[in-house]
N, C-alpha and C. Protein backbone atom coordinates (compact mmCIF):
# COMPACT_ATOMS: atom_id res chain seq x y z
N UNK A 1 8.74 33.10 -31.28
CA UNK A 1 9.83 33.87 -30.70
C UNK A 1 11.08 33.00 -30.65
N UNK A 2 12.14 33.52 -31.17
CA UNK A 2 13.43 32.85 -31.12
C UNK A 2 14.14 33.20 -29.82
N UNK A 3 14.79 32.23 -29.25
CA UNK A 3 15.60 32.46 -28.06
C UNK A 3 17.05 32.25 -28.46
N UNK A 4 17.88 33.27 -28.25
CA UNK A 4 19.29 33.11 -28.57
C UNK A 4 20.05 32.70 -27.31
N UNK A 5 21.33 32.45 -27.45
CA UNK A 5 22.14 31.97 -26.33
C UNK A 5 22.19 32.97 -25.18
N UNK A 6 22.14 34.26 -25.49
CA UNK A 6 22.18 35.27 -24.42
C UNK A 6 20.91 35.22 -23.57
N UNK A 7 19.76 35.10 -24.21
CA UNK A 7 18.51 34.99 -23.46
C UNK A 7 18.47 33.66 -22.71
N UNK A 8 18.92 32.59 -23.36
CA UNK A 8 18.97 31.29 -22.69
C UNK A 8 19.82 31.36 -21.44
N UNK A 9 20.96 32.03 -21.51
CA UNK A 9 21.85 32.16 -20.35
C UNK A 9 21.16 32.91 -19.21
N UNK A 10 20.37 33.93 -19.53
CA UNK A 10 19.63 34.65 -18.49
C UNK A 10 18.57 33.76 -17.85
N UNK A 11 17.88 32.97 -18.65
CA UNK A 11 16.88 32.04 -18.12
C UNK A 11 17.55 30.98 -17.25
N UNK A 12 18.67 30.47 -17.71
CA UNK A 12 19.42 29.48 -16.94
C UNK A 12 19.81 30.06 -15.59
N UNK A 13 20.31 31.28 -15.57
CA UNK A 13 20.73 31.91 -14.31
C UNK A 13 19.54 32.08 -13.37
N UNK A 14 18.40 32.44 -13.91
CA UNK A 14 17.19 32.58 -13.10
C UNK A 14 16.85 31.25 -12.41
N UNK A 15 16.87 30.18 -13.18
CA UNK A 15 16.54 28.87 -12.62
C UNK A 15 17.61 28.42 -11.61
N UNK A 16 18.88 28.59 -11.96
CA UNK A 16 19.95 28.18 -11.04
C UNK A 16 19.89 28.94 -9.72
N UNK A 17 19.40 30.16 -9.76
CA UNK A 17 19.27 30.95 -8.54
C UNK A 17 18.17 30.41 -7.64
N UNK A 18 17.13 29.83 -8.22
CA UNK A 18 15.99 29.45 -7.39
C UNK A 18 15.90 27.96 -7.05
N UNK A 19 16.51 27.06 -7.81
CA UNK A 19 16.26 25.63 -7.56
C UNK A 19 16.73 25.14 -6.21
N UNK A 20 17.68 25.82 -5.59
CA UNK A 20 18.15 25.44 -4.26
C UNK A 20 17.70 26.42 -3.17
N UNK A 21 16.88 27.37 -3.56
CA UNK A 21 16.38 28.36 -2.59
C UNK A 21 15.10 27.80 -1.96
N UNK A 22 15.23 27.32 -0.75
CA UNK A 22 14.12 26.62 -0.10
C UNK A 22 13.02 27.55 0.39
N UNK A 23 13.39 28.74 0.81
CA UNK A 23 12.40 29.67 1.34
C UNK A 23 12.50 31.02 0.64
N UNK A 24 11.41 31.73 0.48
CA UNK A 24 10.05 31.37 0.89
C UNK A 24 9.56 30.16 0.11
N UNK A 25 8.61 29.47 0.69
CA UNK A 25 8.08 28.26 0.07
C UNK A 25 6.56 28.25 0.20
N UNK A 26 5.91 27.86 -0.87
CA UNK A 26 4.46 27.72 -0.88
C UNK A 26 4.14 26.34 -1.41
N UNK A 27 3.43 25.57 -0.64
CA UNK A 27 3.13 24.22 -1.09
C UNK A 27 1.78 23.75 -0.59
N UNK A 28 1.21 22.84 -1.33
CA UNK A 28 -0.03 22.20 -0.92
C UNK A 28 0.35 20.80 -0.46
N UNK A 29 0.33 20.58 0.83
CA UNK A 29 0.74 19.30 1.38
C UNK A 29 -0.41 18.69 2.17
N UNK A 30 -0.49 17.39 2.12
CA UNK A 30 -1.44 16.64 2.91
C UNK A 30 -0.65 15.97 4.02
N UNK A 31 -0.96 16.32 5.28
CA UNK A 31 -0.27 15.75 6.41
C UNK A 31 -1.15 14.69 7.06
N UNK A 32 -0.63 13.48 7.12
CA UNK A 32 -1.36 12.39 7.79
C UNK A 32 -1.02 12.32 9.27
N UNK A 33 0.18 12.78 9.63
CA UNK A 33 0.61 12.74 11.02
C UNK A 33 1.83 13.65 11.18
N UNK A 34 2.36 13.73 12.39
CA UNK A 34 3.49 14.61 12.67
C UNK A 34 4.72 14.27 11.84
N UNK A 35 4.87 13.01 11.46
CA UNK A 35 6.02 12.58 10.66
C UNK A 35 6.05 13.27 9.29
N UNK A 36 4.90 13.66 8.80
CA UNK A 36 4.80 14.31 7.49
C UNK A 36 5.21 15.79 7.51
N UNK A 37 5.35 16.37 8.69
CA UNK A 37 5.68 17.79 8.78
C UNK A 37 7.20 17.93 8.83
N UNK A 38 7.74 18.29 7.68
CA UNK A 38 9.19 18.41 7.50
C UNK A 38 9.47 19.61 6.60
N UNK A 39 10.72 20.07 6.59
CA UNK A 39 11.08 21.14 5.65
C UNK A 39 10.94 20.65 4.20
N UNK A 40 10.73 21.56 3.28
CA UNK A 40 10.54 21.16 1.88
C UNK A 40 11.64 20.25 1.32
N UNK A 41 12.90 20.51 1.67
CA UNK A 41 13.99 19.70 1.11
C UNK A 41 13.95 18.25 1.61
N UNK A 42 13.24 18.00 2.68
CA UNK A 42 13.08 16.62 3.15
C UNK A 42 11.85 15.97 2.54
N UNK A 43 10.81 16.75 2.31
CA UNK A 43 9.59 16.19 1.70
C UNK A 43 9.80 15.84 0.24
N UNK A 44 10.37 16.76 -0.51
CA UNK A 44 10.62 16.56 -1.95
C UNK A 44 12.07 16.98 -2.23
N UNK A 45 13.01 16.08 -2.01
CA UNK A 45 14.42 16.45 -2.00
C UNK A 45 15.03 16.91 -3.33
N UNK A 46 14.45 16.58 -4.44
CA UNK A 46 14.98 17.04 -5.73
C UNK A 46 14.31 18.33 -6.18
N UNK A 47 13.05 18.51 -5.84
CA UNK A 47 12.26 19.64 -6.31
C UNK A 47 11.69 20.45 -5.14
N UNK A 48 12.53 21.16 -4.43
CA UNK A 48 12.05 21.92 -3.27
C UNK A 48 12.20 23.43 -3.41
N UNK A 49 12.96 23.89 -4.38
CA UNK A 49 13.20 25.32 -4.53
C UNK A 49 12.17 25.99 -5.43
N UNK A 50 12.50 27.19 -5.85
CA UNK A 50 11.66 27.97 -6.79
C UNK A 50 10.26 28.23 -6.26
N UNK A 51 10.11 28.41 -4.99
CA UNK A 51 8.86 28.72 -4.31
C UNK A 51 7.97 27.50 -4.09
N UNK A 52 7.90 26.59 -5.05
CA UNK A 52 7.06 25.40 -4.87
C UNK A 52 7.56 24.25 -5.73
N UNK A 53 7.02 23.07 -5.48
CA UNK A 53 7.43 21.86 -6.19
C UNK A 53 7.22 21.99 -7.69
N UNK A 54 6.07 22.42 -8.07
CA UNK A 54 5.71 22.51 -9.49
C UNK A 54 6.68 23.43 -10.25
N UNK A 55 6.99 24.58 -9.67
CA UNK A 55 7.92 25.50 -10.31
C UNK A 55 9.33 24.92 -10.37
N UNK A 56 9.71 24.17 -9.36
CA UNK A 56 11.03 23.53 -9.37
C UNK A 56 11.12 22.49 -10.49
N UNK A 57 10.04 21.74 -10.70
CA UNK A 57 10.02 20.77 -11.81
C UNK A 57 10.15 21.51 -13.14
N UNK A 58 9.38 22.57 -13.31
CA UNK A 58 9.47 23.36 -14.55
C UNK A 58 10.89 23.91 -14.74
N UNK A 59 11.49 24.39 -13.66
CA UNK A 59 12.84 24.93 -13.75
C UNK A 59 13.85 23.90 -14.21
N UNK A 60 13.77 22.70 -13.65
CA UNK A 60 14.68 21.64 -14.07
C UNK A 60 14.43 21.24 -15.52
N UNK A 61 13.17 21.23 -15.92
CA UNK A 61 12.85 20.95 -17.32
C UNK A 61 13.50 22.00 -18.23
N UNK A 62 13.42 23.27 -17.83
CA UNK A 62 14.01 24.33 -18.64
C UNK A 62 15.52 24.16 -18.74
N UNK A 63 16.16 23.76 -17.66
CA UNK A 63 17.60 23.52 -17.71
C UNK A 63 17.94 22.45 -18.75
N UNK A 64 17.20 21.35 -18.72
CA UNK A 64 17.49 20.27 -19.68
C UNK A 64 17.19 20.72 -21.10
N UNK A 65 16.12 21.44 -21.28
CA UNK A 65 15.71 21.88 -22.62
C UNK A 65 16.74 22.84 -23.23
N UNK A 66 17.13 23.86 -22.47
CA UNK A 66 18.08 24.84 -23.01
C UNK A 66 19.47 24.25 -23.18
N UNK A 67 19.82 23.29 -22.34
CA UNK A 67 21.10 22.61 -22.50
C UNK A 67 21.14 21.85 -23.83
N UNK A 68 20.04 21.25 -24.18
CA UNK A 68 19.97 20.54 -25.46
C UNK A 68 20.01 21.48 -26.65
N UNK A 69 19.33 22.61 -26.54
CA UNK A 69 19.25 23.53 -27.67
C UNK A 69 20.50 24.39 -27.86
N UNK A 70 21.30 24.52 -26.81
CA UNK A 70 22.51 25.34 -26.90
C UNK A 70 23.72 24.53 -26.41
N UNK A 71 24.10 23.49 -27.15
CA UNK A 71 25.16 22.59 -26.69
C UNK A 71 26.54 23.24 -26.56
N UNK A 72 26.76 24.36 -27.20
CA UNK A 72 28.06 25.04 -27.14
C UNK A 72 28.06 26.21 -26.15
N UNK A 73 26.95 26.43 -25.46
CA UNK A 73 26.83 27.58 -24.57
C UNK A 73 27.75 27.46 -23.35
N UNK A 74 28.11 28.59 -22.82
CA UNK A 74 29.03 28.63 -21.67
C UNK A 74 28.41 28.06 -20.40
N UNK A 75 27.08 27.93 -20.36
CA UNK A 75 26.43 27.45 -19.13
C UNK A 75 26.38 25.93 -19.03
N UNK A 76 26.88 25.21 -20.01
CA UNK A 76 26.79 23.75 -20.02
C UNK A 76 27.34 23.10 -18.75
N UNK A 77 28.53 23.45 -18.36
CA UNK A 77 29.16 22.83 -17.19
C UNK A 77 28.38 23.14 -15.92
N UNK A 78 27.99 24.40 -15.76
CA UNK A 78 27.24 24.80 -14.57
C UNK A 78 25.91 24.07 -14.48
N UNK A 79 25.22 23.94 -15.60
CA UNK A 79 23.93 23.24 -15.61
C UNK A 79 24.13 21.76 -15.30
N UNK A 80 25.12 21.14 -15.91
CA UNK A 80 25.36 19.71 -15.63
C UNK A 80 25.65 19.48 -14.15
N UNK A 81 26.44 20.38 -13.55
CA UNK A 81 26.74 20.26 -12.12
C UNK A 81 25.46 20.39 -11.29
N UNK A 82 24.62 21.36 -11.63
CA UNK A 82 23.36 21.55 -10.89
C UNK A 82 22.45 20.34 -11.03
N UNK A 83 22.34 19.81 -12.23
CA UNK A 83 21.48 18.64 -12.45
C UNK A 83 22.02 17.42 -11.71
N UNK A 84 23.32 17.28 -11.72
CA UNK A 84 23.93 16.16 -11.00
C UNK A 84 23.66 16.26 -9.51
N UNK A 85 23.68 17.48 -8.96
CA UNK A 85 23.39 17.67 -7.54
C UNK A 85 21.92 17.43 -7.23
N UNK A 86 21.05 17.82 -8.14
CA UNK A 86 19.61 17.66 -7.90
C UNK A 86 19.15 16.22 -8.03
N UNK A 87 19.79 15.47 -8.88
CA UNK A 87 19.27 14.15 -9.22
C UNK A 87 20.18 13.01 -8.80
N UNK A 88 20.45 12.97 -7.52
CA UNK A 88 21.17 11.83 -6.97
C UNK A 88 20.17 10.69 -6.77
N UNK A 89 20.64 9.45 -6.69
CA UNK A 89 19.70 8.34 -6.44
C UNK A 89 18.88 8.55 -5.17
N UNK A 90 19.50 9.09 -4.13
CA UNK A 90 18.78 9.29 -2.87
C UNK A 90 17.66 10.31 -3.02
N UNK A 91 17.94 11.40 -3.73
CA UNK A 91 16.92 12.43 -3.91
C UNK A 91 15.76 11.93 -4.78
N UNK A 92 16.08 11.19 -5.81
CA UNK A 92 15.01 10.65 -6.66
C UNK A 92 14.19 9.62 -5.87
N UNK A 93 14.85 8.80 -5.08
CA UNK A 93 14.12 7.86 -4.23
C UNK A 93 13.21 8.60 -3.26
N UNK A 94 13.67 9.74 -2.74
CA UNK A 94 12.83 10.55 -1.85
C UNK A 94 11.62 11.11 -2.57
N UNK A 95 11.80 11.56 -3.81
CA UNK A 95 10.67 12.06 -4.61
C UNK A 95 9.67 10.94 -4.86
N UNK A 96 10.17 9.78 -5.24
CA UNK A 96 9.28 8.64 -5.53
C UNK A 96 8.53 8.23 -4.27
N UNK A 97 9.23 8.18 -3.14
CA UNK A 97 8.57 7.81 -1.88
C UNK A 97 7.46 8.81 -1.54
N UNK A 98 7.75 10.10 -1.73
CA UNK A 98 6.75 11.13 -1.42
C UNK A 98 5.53 10.98 -2.33
N UNK A 99 5.78 10.79 -3.62
CA UNK A 99 4.66 10.66 -4.56
C UNK A 99 3.88 9.36 -4.34
N UNK A 100 4.57 8.32 -3.93
CA UNK A 100 3.86 7.07 -3.62
C UNK A 100 2.98 7.22 -2.38
N UNK A 101 3.51 7.94 -1.40
CA UNK A 101 2.74 8.14 -0.16
C UNK A 101 1.59 9.12 -0.37
N UNK A 102 1.79 10.09 -1.26
CA UNK A 102 0.79 11.13 -1.53
C UNK A 102 0.53 11.20 -3.04
N UNK A 103 -0.19 10.24 -3.58
CA UNK A 103 -0.35 10.17 -5.04
C UNK A 103 -1.04 11.39 -5.66
N UNK A 104 -1.80 12.14 -4.89
CA UNK A 104 -2.46 13.33 -5.43
C UNK A 104 -1.75 14.61 -5.01
N UNK A 105 -0.48 14.50 -4.63
CA UNK A 105 0.33 15.65 -4.29
C UNK A 105 0.33 16.62 -5.48
N UNK A 106 0.14 17.91 -5.19
CA UNK A 106 0.07 18.95 -6.20
C UNK A 106 -1.15 18.83 -7.11
N UNK A 107 -2.13 18.10 -6.68
CA UNK A 107 -3.42 18.00 -7.38
C UNK A 107 -4.48 18.47 -6.40
N UNK A 108 -4.65 19.78 -6.25
CA UNK A 108 -5.50 20.30 -5.18
C UNK A 108 -6.95 19.82 -5.22
N UNK A 109 -7.42 19.43 -6.38
CA UNK A 109 -8.81 18.98 -6.47
C UNK A 109 -8.90 17.47 -6.58
N UNK A 110 -7.74 16.81 -6.56
CA UNK A 110 -7.71 15.36 -6.57
C UNK A 110 -8.15 14.73 -7.87
N UNK A 111 -8.19 15.52 -8.94
CA UNK A 111 -8.68 14.95 -10.20
C UNK A 111 -7.58 14.23 -10.96
N UNK A 112 -7.99 13.29 -11.76
CA UNK A 112 -7.06 12.47 -12.51
C UNK A 112 -6.25 13.29 -13.51
N UNK A 113 -6.86 14.30 -14.13
CA UNK A 113 -6.13 15.11 -15.11
C UNK A 113 -4.97 15.84 -14.47
N UNK A 114 -5.17 16.40 -13.28
CA UNK A 114 -4.06 17.07 -12.58
C UNK A 114 -2.98 16.07 -12.21
N UNK A 115 -3.39 14.91 -11.76
CA UNK A 115 -2.44 13.86 -11.40
C UNK A 115 -1.60 13.48 -12.61
N UNK A 116 -2.24 13.25 -13.73
CA UNK A 116 -1.54 12.87 -14.95
C UNK A 116 -0.62 13.99 -15.43
N UNK A 117 -1.07 15.23 -15.36
CA UNK A 117 -0.26 16.36 -15.81
C UNK A 117 1.01 16.49 -14.97
N UNK A 118 0.90 16.36 -13.65
CA UNK A 118 2.07 16.47 -12.80
C UNK A 118 3.07 15.36 -13.05
N UNK A 119 2.60 14.15 -13.21
CA UNK A 119 3.50 13.04 -13.46
C UNK A 119 4.12 13.15 -14.85
N UNK A 120 3.39 13.72 -15.80
CA UNK A 120 3.94 13.85 -17.15
C UNK A 120 5.09 14.85 -17.18
N UNK A 121 5.06 15.87 -16.31
CA UNK A 121 6.19 16.80 -16.25
C UNK A 121 7.44 16.07 -15.78
N UNK A 122 7.29 15.17 -14.84
CA UNK A 122 8.45 14.40 -14.38
C UNK A 122 9.01 13.55 -15.51
N UNK A 123 8.13 12.97 -16.31
CA UNK A 123 8.57 12.17 -17.46
C UNK A 123 9.31 13.07 -18.45
N UNK A 124 8.80 14.28 -18.69
CA UNK A 124 9.47 15.22 -19.60
C UNK A 124 10.87 15.56 -19.09
N UNK A 125 11.01 15.77 -17.78
CA UNK A 125 12.33 16.06 -17.22
C UNK A 125 13.26 14.88 -17.44
N UNK A 126 12.76 13.67 -17.20
CA UNK A 126 13.58 12.47 -17.38
C UNK A 126 13.99 12.30 -18.84
N UNK A 127 13.08 12.53 -19.77
CA UNK A 127 13.40 12.45 -21.19
C UNK A 127 14.46 13.49 -21.53
N UNK A 128 14.32 14.67 -20.97
CA UNK A 128 15.32 15.72 -21.19
C UNK A 128 16.70 15.29 -20.73
N UNK A 129 16.78 14.67 -19.56
CA UNK A 129 18.08 14.19 -19.07
C UNK A 129 18.65 13.13 -20.00
N UNK A 130 17.80 12.24 -20.46
CA UNK A 130 18.25 11.20 -21.37
C UNK A 130 18.83 11.80 -22.65
N UNK A 131 18.14 12.77 -23.23
CA UNK A 131 18.61 13.40 -24.47
C UNK A 131 19.88 14.20 -24.25
N UNK A 132 19.97 14.91 -23.12
CA UNK A 132 21.21 15.63 -22.80
C UNK A 132 22.35 14.64 -22.67
N UNK A 133 22.09 13.52 -22.03
CA UNK A 133 23.10 12.49 -21.87
C UNK A 133 23.61 12.00 -23.23
N UNK A 134 22.70 11.77 -24.16
CA UNK A 134 23.10 11.35 -25.51
C UNK A 134 23.95 12.41 -26.18
N UNK A 135 23.58 13.67 -26.01
CA UNK A 135 24.33 14.78 -26.62
C UNK A 135 25.73 14.89 -26.02
N UNK A 136 25.90 14.42 -24.80
CA UNK A 136 27.21 14.50 -24.14
C UNK A 136 28.02 13.23 -24.36
N UNK A 137 27.61 12.45 -25.33
CA UNK A 137 28.37 11.24 -25.63
C UNK A 137 28.15 10.12 -24.64
N UNK A 138 26.98 10.08 -24.06
CA UNK A 138 26.64 9.00 -23.14
C UNK A 138 26.97 9.28 -21.69
N UNK A 139 27.50 10.48 -21.37
CA UNK A 139 27.78 10.82 -20.00
C UNK A 139 26.50 10.79 -19.19
N UNK A 140 26.49 10.00 -18.14
CA UNK A 140 25.26 9.85 -17.35
C UNK A 140 25.10 11.01 -16.38
N UNK A 141 24.05 11.81 -16.60
CA UNK A 141 23.79 12.92 -15.67
C UNK A 141 22.36 12.83 -15.15
N UNK A 142 21.74 11.68 -15.29
CA UNK A 142 20.37 11.51 -14.82
C UNK A 142 20.24 10.15 -14.18
N UNK A 143 19.14 9.96 -13.50
CA UNK A 143 18.90 8.69 -12.80
C UNK A 143 17.86 7.91 -13.56
């Protein structure tokens, strides 16, 4: 199936609508103590929208992917602004801290394959940011 710029723009709008929408929220969290009970934007500050963490990661991946495939599309500026807001050093540090504290986060059965799959999506998002950055002439929009 081919995706043209019009369909890409609709997908982009769908993702932009949800990536900052914190509620409703569905998540699998492991709480060790009262300190762990926080709103989603504090637990996972870059990926808290789109109903759950996993969907938020997928949404950001889609933004980077469609931005690369449609470099002349009208959504370029809007997507770059959204990515810049999502991926500040503080938010990425918050994501890393959460994943370090809860290494099996989003792995409901605690298996290694789920752990690897979740971390690989983050790598895909980072690669996407790197490639978008190259397409923009080296403009840094990722951490």
